[in-house]
Amino acid sequence: MILSDLLGREVRSATGERLGVVIDARFAVDGPPQQLLAVARLHGLIVSPHSHSSFLGYERTDITAPAPIAAFLRWRQRGTFLVLWRDLASLAGEAVVLREGAVRYSPRLADSQG
């Protein structure tokens, strides 16, 4: 599977409730060293209940200025969460299904080290 197969895919809870769509992925570069970088692994998926497009990394920080842009981004990002790779139960079919008890983390980097 390639990442573009996941982007835009609907995300459902273990009980079938619609939670949103996959809008981005979070990778960790913490594997064994290679020629230029360490090996990257998929840490989790960013899920949005409202937007169908990526936030281009703006969900990772608190933006406060300029105020109109900060307000717009807070509104657009409302309800967005990170689900860790280990919390996915299934990628088969039309939706990503989370396992029972899956935790919804903040998409901010410091809050999602789980």
N, C-alpha and C. Protein backbone atom coordinates (compact mmCIF):
# COMPACT_ATOMS: atom_id res chain seq x y z
N MET A 1 0.85 -1.17 0.00
CA MET A 1 0.00 0.00 0.00
C MET A 1 0.89 1.24 0.00
N ILE A 2 0.48 2.24 -0.74
CA ILE A 2 1.20 3.51 -0.75
C ILE A 2 0.35 4.56 -0.06
N LEU A 3 1.00 5.62 0.39
CA LEU A 3 0.32 6.64 1.19
C LEU A 3 -0.88 7.24 0.47
N SER A 4 -0.76 7.45 -0.82
CA SER A 4 -1.89 8.06 -1.55
C SER A 4 -3.14 7.17 -1.51
N ASP A 5 -2.97 5.87 -1.23
CA ASP A 5 -4.12 4.98 -1.08
C ASP A 5 -4.89 5.29 0.20
N LEU A 6 -4.21 5.87 1.19
CA LEU A 6 -4.85 6.17 2.48
C LEU A 6 -5.43 7.57 2.54
N LEU A 7 -4.78 8.53 1.88
CA LEU A 7 -5.25 9.92 1.95
C LEU A 7 -6.64 10.04 1.36
N GLY A 8 -7.52 10.68 2.12
CA GLY A 8 -8.91 10.85 1.69
C GLY A 8 -9.81 9.69 2.07
N ARG A 9 -9.24 8.63 2.62
CA ARG A 9 -10.05 7.47 3.01
C ARG A 9 -10.81 7.77 4.29
N GLU A 10 -12.04 7.34 4.36
CA GLU A 10 -12.87 7.52 5.54
C GLU A 10 -12.29 6.72 6.71
N VAL A 11 -12.44 7.28 7.93
CA VAL A 11 -11.98 6.62 9.15
C VAL A 11 -13.20 6.33 10.02
N ARG A 12 -13.27 5.09 10.50
CA ARG A 12 -14.39 4.66 11.34
C ARG A 12 -13.88 4.07 12.64
N SER A 13 -14.70 4.21 13.67
CA SER A 13 -14.37 3.59 14.97
C SER A 13 -14.62 2.10 14.88
N ALA A 14 -14.27 1.37 15.93
CA ALA A 14 -14.50 -0.07 15.97
C ALA A 14 -15.98 -0.41 15.89
N THR A 15 -16.83 0.54 16.30
CA THR A 15 -18.29 0.31 16.26
C THR A 15 -18.92 0.78 14.95
N GLY A 16 -18.10 1.32 14.04
CA GLY A 16 -18.62 1.75 12.74
C GLY A 16 -18.96 3.23 12.64
N GLU A 17 -18.75 3.99 13.72
CA GLU A 17 -19.04 5.42 13.70
C GLU A 17 -18.05 6.14 12.79
N ARG A 18 -18.54 7.04 11.94
CA ARG A 18 -17.67 7.82 11.05
C ARG A 18 -16.96 8.88 11.89
N LEU A 19 -15.61 8.91 11.82
CA LEU A 19 -14.81 9.84 12.60
C LEU A 19 -14.21 10.95 11.75
N GLY A 20 -14.10 10.75 10.46
CA GLY A 20 -13.51 11.74 9.57
C GLY A 20 -12.81 11.08 8.41
N VAL A 21 -11.82 11.78 7.85
CA VAL A 21 -11.03 11.25 6.74
C VAL A 21 -9.54 11.44 7.04
N VAL A 22 -8.73 10.58 6.45
CA VAL A 22 -7.28 10.70 6.57
C VAL A 22 -6.83 11.88 5.71
N ILE A 23 -6.19 12.87 6.35
CA ILE A 23 -5.73 14.04 5.59
C ILE A 23 -4.21 14.13 5.52
N ASP A 24 -3.51 13.39 6.38
CA ASP A 24 -2.06 13.48 6.38
C ASP A 24 -1.50 12.29 7.16
N ALA A 25 -0.20 12.15 7.13
CA ALA A 25 0.48 11.08 7.86
C ALA A 25 1.60 11.69 8.68
N ARG A 26 1.92 11.04 9.77
CA ARG A 26 3.01 11.47 10.62
C ARG A 26 4.06 10.37 10.61
N PHE A 27 5.27 10.72 10.25
CA PHE A 27 6.37 9.77 10.21
C PHE A 27 7.37 10.07 11.32
N ALA A 28 8.04 9.03 11.79
CA ALA A 28 9.13 9.17 12.75
C ALA A 28 10.40 8.69 12.06
N VAL A 29 11.45 9.46 12.18
CA VAL A 29 12.74 9.09 11.61
C VAL A 29 13.61 8.63 12.76
N ASP A 30 13.46 7.36 13.11
CA ASP A 30 14.17 6.84 14.27
C ASP A 30 14.69 5.42 14.07
N GLY A 31 14.73 4.98 12.83
CA GLY A 31 15.22 3.65 12.54
C GLY A 31 16.73 3.63 12.44
N PRO A 32 17.27 2.51 11.97
CA PRO A 32 18.72 2.41 11.83
C PRO A 32 19.25 3.40 10.79
N PRO A 33 20.44 3.93 11.01
CA PRO A 33 21.00 4.89 10.06
C PRO A 33 21.21 4.27 8.68
N GLN A 34 20.95 5.06 7.67
CA GLN A 34 21.20 4.67 6.29
C GLN A 34 22.25 5.62 5.72
N GLN A 35 22.33 5.72 4.42
CA GLN A 35 23.35 6.54 3.79
C GLN A 35 23.19 8.02 4.16
N LEU A 36 21.94 8.56 4.08
CA LEU A 36 21.73 9.98 4.37
C LEU A 36 20.95 10.21 5.66
N LEU A 37 19.92 9.41 5.91
CA LEU A 37 19.05 9.58 7.08
C LEU A 37 18.78 8.23 7.72
N ALA A 38 18.18 8.28 8.89
CA ALA A 38 17.69 7.06 9.51
C ALA A 38 16.43 6.62 8.76
N VAL A 39 16.07 5.37 8.92
CA VAL A 39 14.88 4.83 8.27
C VAL A 39 13.63 5.46 8.89
N ALA A 40 12.70 5.88 8.05
CA ALA A 40 11.44 6.46 8.52
C ALA A 40 10.39 5.36 8.68
N ARG A 41 9.54 5.53 9.67
CA ARG A 41 8.41 4.60 9.85
C ARG A 41 7.15 5.42 10.02
N LEU A 42 6.03 4.85 9.64
CA LEU A 42 4.75 5.53 9.78
C LEU A 42 4.34 5.50 11.25
N HIS A 43 4.27 6.67 11.87
CA HIS A 43 3.92 6.81 13.28
C HIS A 43 2.40 6.80 13.45
N GLY A 44 1.69 7.46 12.56
CA GLY A 44 0.24 7.51 12.66
C GLY A 44 -0.38 8.32 11.53
N LEU A 45 -1.69 8.45 11.59
CA LEU A 45 -2.45 9.17 10.57
C LEU A 45 -3.17 10.36 11.21
N ILE A 46 -3.21 11.46 10.48
CA ILE A 46 -3.95 12.64 10.92
C ILE A 46 -5.35 12.53 10.33
N VAL A 47 -6.35 12.63 11.20
CA VAL A 47 -7.75 12.48 10.80
C VAL A 47 -8.50 13.76 11.09
N SER A 48 -9.27 14.23 10.11
CA SER A 48 -10.07 15.43 10.29
C SER A 48 -11.55 15.12 10.08
N PRO A 49 -12.40 15.55 11.02
CA PRO A 49 -13.83 15.36 10.84
C PRO A 49 -14.46 16.39 9.91
N HIS A 50 -13.71 17.45 9.56
CA HIS A 50 -14.28 18.55 8.79
C HIS A 50 -13.63 18.77 7.43
N SER A 51 -12.33 18.77 7.39
CA SER A 51 -11.59 19.10 6.17
C SER A 51 -11.19 17.84 5.42
N HIS A 52 -11.06 17.95 4.12
CA HIS A 52 -10.58 16.84 3.31
C HIS A 52 -9.21 17.13 2.74
N SER A 53 -8.55 18.17 3.25
CA SER A 53 -7.22 18.51 2.75
C SER A 53 -6.25 18.69 3.91
N SER A 54 -4.98 18.54 3.60
CA SER A 54 -3.93 18.64 4.60
C SER A 54 -3.82 20.05 5.15
N PHE A 55 -3.33 20.16 6.38
CA PHE A 55 -3.08 21.46 7.00
C PHE A 55 -1.66 21.93 6.75
N LEU A 56 -0.90 21.17 5.94
CA LEU A 56 0.46 21.53 5.55
C LEU A 56 1.38 21.74 6.76
N GLY A 57 1.13 21.00 7.83
CA GLY A 57 1.98 21.09 9.02
C GLY A 57 1.54 22.12 10.03
N TYR A 58 0.56 22.96 9.71
CA TYR A 58 0.14 24.00 10.65
C TYR A 58 -0.54 23.44 11.90
N GLU A 59 -0.99 22.18 11.86
CA GLU A 59 -1.61 21.59 13.04
C GLU A 59 -0.58 21.26 14.10
N ARG A 60 0.71 21.35 13.77
CA ARG A 60 1.77 20.95 14.68
C ARG A 60 2.14 22.01 15.70
N THR A 61 1.76 23.25 15.48
CA THR A 61 2.18 24.34 16.37
C THR A 61 1.00 25.25 16.71
N ASP A 62 1.20 26.09 17.72
CA ASP A 62 0.23 27.12 18.05
C ASP A 62 0.58 28.37 17.27
N ILE A 63 -0.26 28.71 16.32
CA ILE A 63 -0.03 29.91 15.52
C ILE A 63 -0.86 31.03 16.15
N THR A 64 -0.23 32.18 16.41
CA THR A 64 -0.96 33.27 17.04
C THR A 64 -0.99 34.54 16.20
N ALA A 65 -0.16 34.62 15.17
CA ALA A 65 -0.12 35.83 14.36
C ALA A 65 0.14 35.46 12.91
N PRO A 66 -0.41 36.18 12.00
CA PRO A 66 -1.40 37.23 12.19
C PRO A 66 -2.72 36.64 12.70
N ALA A 67 -3.41 37.39 13.51
CA ALA A 67 -4.61 36.92 14.22
C ALA A 67 -5.67 36.34 13.29
N PRO A 68 -6.00 36.96 12.15
CA PRO A 68 -7.04 36.38 11.29
C PRO A 68 -6.66 34.99 10.76
N ILE A 69 -5.39 34.79 10.43
CA ILE A 69 -4.95 33.48 9.94
C ILE A 69 -4.98 32.47 11.07
N ALA A 70 -4.53 32.86 12.25
CA ALA A 70 -4.54 31.96 13.41
C ALA A 70 -5.96 31.52 13.73
N ALA A 71 -6.90 32.45 13.71
CA ALA A 71 -8.30 32.12 14.00
C ALA A 71 -8.86 31.16 12.95
N PHE A 72 -8.57 31.43 11.70
CA PHE A 72 -9.05 30.56 10.62
C PHE A 72 -8.49 29.15 10.77
N LEU A 73 -7.19 29.04 11.06
CA LEU A 73 -6.59 27.72 11.19
C LEU A 73 -7.12 26.97 12.40
N ARG A 74 -7.36 27.64 13.52
CA ARG A 74 -7.96 26.97 14.69
C ARG A 74 -9.35 26.44 14.34
N TRP A 75 -10.14 27.24 13.61
CA TRP A 75 -11.48 26.81 13.22
C TRP A 75 -11.40 25.61 12.28
N ARG A 76 -10.51 25.67 11.31
CA ARG A 76 -10.40 24.62 10.31
C ARG A 76 -9.88 23.31 10.92
N GLN A 77 -9.06 23.41 11.94
CA GLN A 77 -8.44 22.22 12.55
C GLN A 77 -9.27 21.61 13.68
N ARG A 78 -10.39 22.22 14.00
CA ARG A 78 -11.18 21.74 15.15
C ARG A 78 -11.53 20.25 15.00
N GLY A 79 -11.29 19.51 16.06
CA GLY A 79 -11.62 18.09 16.06
C GLY A 79 -10.60 17.18 15.39
N THR A 80 -9.56 17.73 14.82
CA THR A 80 -8.54 16.93 14.16
C THR A 80 -7.74 16.16 15.19
N PHE A 81 -7.40 14.92 14.87
CA PHE A 81 -6.63 14.12 15.81
C PHE A 81 -5.65 13.22 15.09
N LEU A 82 -4.67 12.74 15.86
CA LEU A 82 -3.69 11.77 15.39
C LEU A 82 -4.06 10.42 15.96
N VAL A 83 -4.09 9.41 15.12
CA VAL A 83 -4.28 8.04 15.58
C VAL A 83 -3.00 7.28 15.23
N LEU A 84 -2.44 6.61 16.21
CA LEU A 84 -1.18 5.91 16.01
C LEU A 84 -1.39 4.66 15.16
N TRP A 85 -0.34 4.30 14.46
CA TRP A 85 -0.39 3.15 13.56
C TRP A 85 -0.85 1.89 14.30
N ARG A 86 -0.39 1.72 15.53
CA ARG A 86 -0.76 0.53 16.30
C ARG A 86 -2.25 0.48 16.65
N ASP A 87 -2.96 1.60 16.52
CA ASP A 87 -4.38 1.64 16.84
C ASP A 87 -5.28 1.37 15.64
N LEU A 88 -4.69 1.03 14.50
CA LEU A 88 -5.50 0.71 13.32
C LEU A 88 -5.83 -0.78 13.34
N ALA A 89 -7.10 -1.10 13.15
CA ALA A 89 -7.52 -2.50 13.13
C ALA A 89 -7.53 -3.03 11.71
N SER A 90 -7.93 -2.18 10.74
CA SER A 90 -8.07 -2.66 9.37
C SER A 90 -7.89 -1.52 8.38
N LEU A 91 -7.25 -1.84 7.27
CA LEU A 91 -7.12 -0.91 6.15
C LEU A 91 -7.85 -1.44 4.93
N ALA A 92 -8.46 -2.59 5.06
CA ALA A 92 -9.14 -3.23 3.93
C ALA A 92 -10.45 -2.52 3.62
N GLY A 93 -10.88 -2.61 2.39
CA GLY A 93 -12.15 -2.01 2.00
C GLY A 93 -12.04 -0.52 1.78
N GLU A 94 -13.14 0.17 1.98
CA GLU A 94 -13.23 1.60 1.69
C GLU A 94 -12.83 2.49 2.85
N ALA A 95 -12.67 1.92 4.04
CA ALA A 95 -12.41 2.75 5.23
C ALA A 95 -11.26 2.21 6.05
N VAL A 96 -10.65 3.12 6.80
CA VAL A 96 -9.68 2.74 7.83
C VAL A 96 -10.50 2.53 9.09
N VAL A 97 -10.35 1.39 9.72
CA VAL A 97 -11.11 1.08 10.93
C VAL A 97 -10.15 1.04 12.11
N LEU A 98 -10.50 1.76 13.18
CA LEU A 98 -9.67 1.79 14.38
C LEU A 98 -10.02 0.62 15.29
N ARG A 99 -9.06 0.17 16.06
CA ARG A 99 -9.32 -0.91 17.01
C ARG A 99 -10.11 -0.34 18.19
N GLU A 100 -10.76 -1.21 18.90
CA GLU A 100 -11.49 -0.79 20.09
C GLU A 100 -10.48 -0.26 21.11
N GLY A 101 -10.79 0.86 21.72
CA GLY A 101 -9.89 1.47 22.69
C GLY A 101 -8.83 2.35 22.08
N ALA A 102 -8.90 2.61 20.79
CA ALA A 102 -7.91 3.47 20.12
C ALA A 102 -7.94 4.86 20.74
N VAL A 103 -6.77 5.43 20.91
CA VAL A 103 -6.63 6.74 21.53
C VAL A 103 -6.50 7.81 20.45
N ARG A 104 -7.21 8.91 20.63
CA ARG A 104 -7.11 10.05 19.72
C ARG A 104 -6.17 11.07 20.35
N TYR A 105 -5.00 11.25 19.75
CA TYR A 105 -4.01 12.19 20.26
C TYR A 105 -4.14 13.53 19.57
N SER A 106 -3.62 14.55 20.22
CA SER A 106 -3.51 15.86 19.60
C SER A 106 -2.56 15.73 18.42
N PRO A 107 -2.82 16.44 17.32
CA PRO A 107 -1.89 16.37 16.19
C PRO A 107 -0.59 17.14 16.43
N ARG A 108 -0.48 17.85 17.55
CA ARG A 108 0.76 18.57 17.85
C ARG A 108 1.87 17.57 18.16
N LEU A 109 3.06 17.86 17.70
CA LEU A 109 4.17 16.92 17.83
C LEU A 109 4.48 16.56 19.28
N ALA A 110 4.52 17.53 20.16
CA ALA A 110 4.91 17.27 21.55
C ALA A 110 3.88 16.41 22.29
N ASP A 111 2.63 16.43 21.82
CA ASP A 111 1.57 15.70 22.51
C ASP A 111 1.33 14.31 21.94
N SER A 112 2.09 13.88 20.95
CA SER A 112 1.77 12.64 20.26
C SER A 112 2.92 11.64 20.26
N GLN A 113 3.70 11.64 21.28
CA GLN A 113 4.84 10.74 21.31
C GLN A 113 4.48 9.34 21.75
N GLY A 114 3.19 9.12 22.10
CA GLY A 114 2.67 7.83 22.56
C GLY A 114 3.13 6.73 21.80
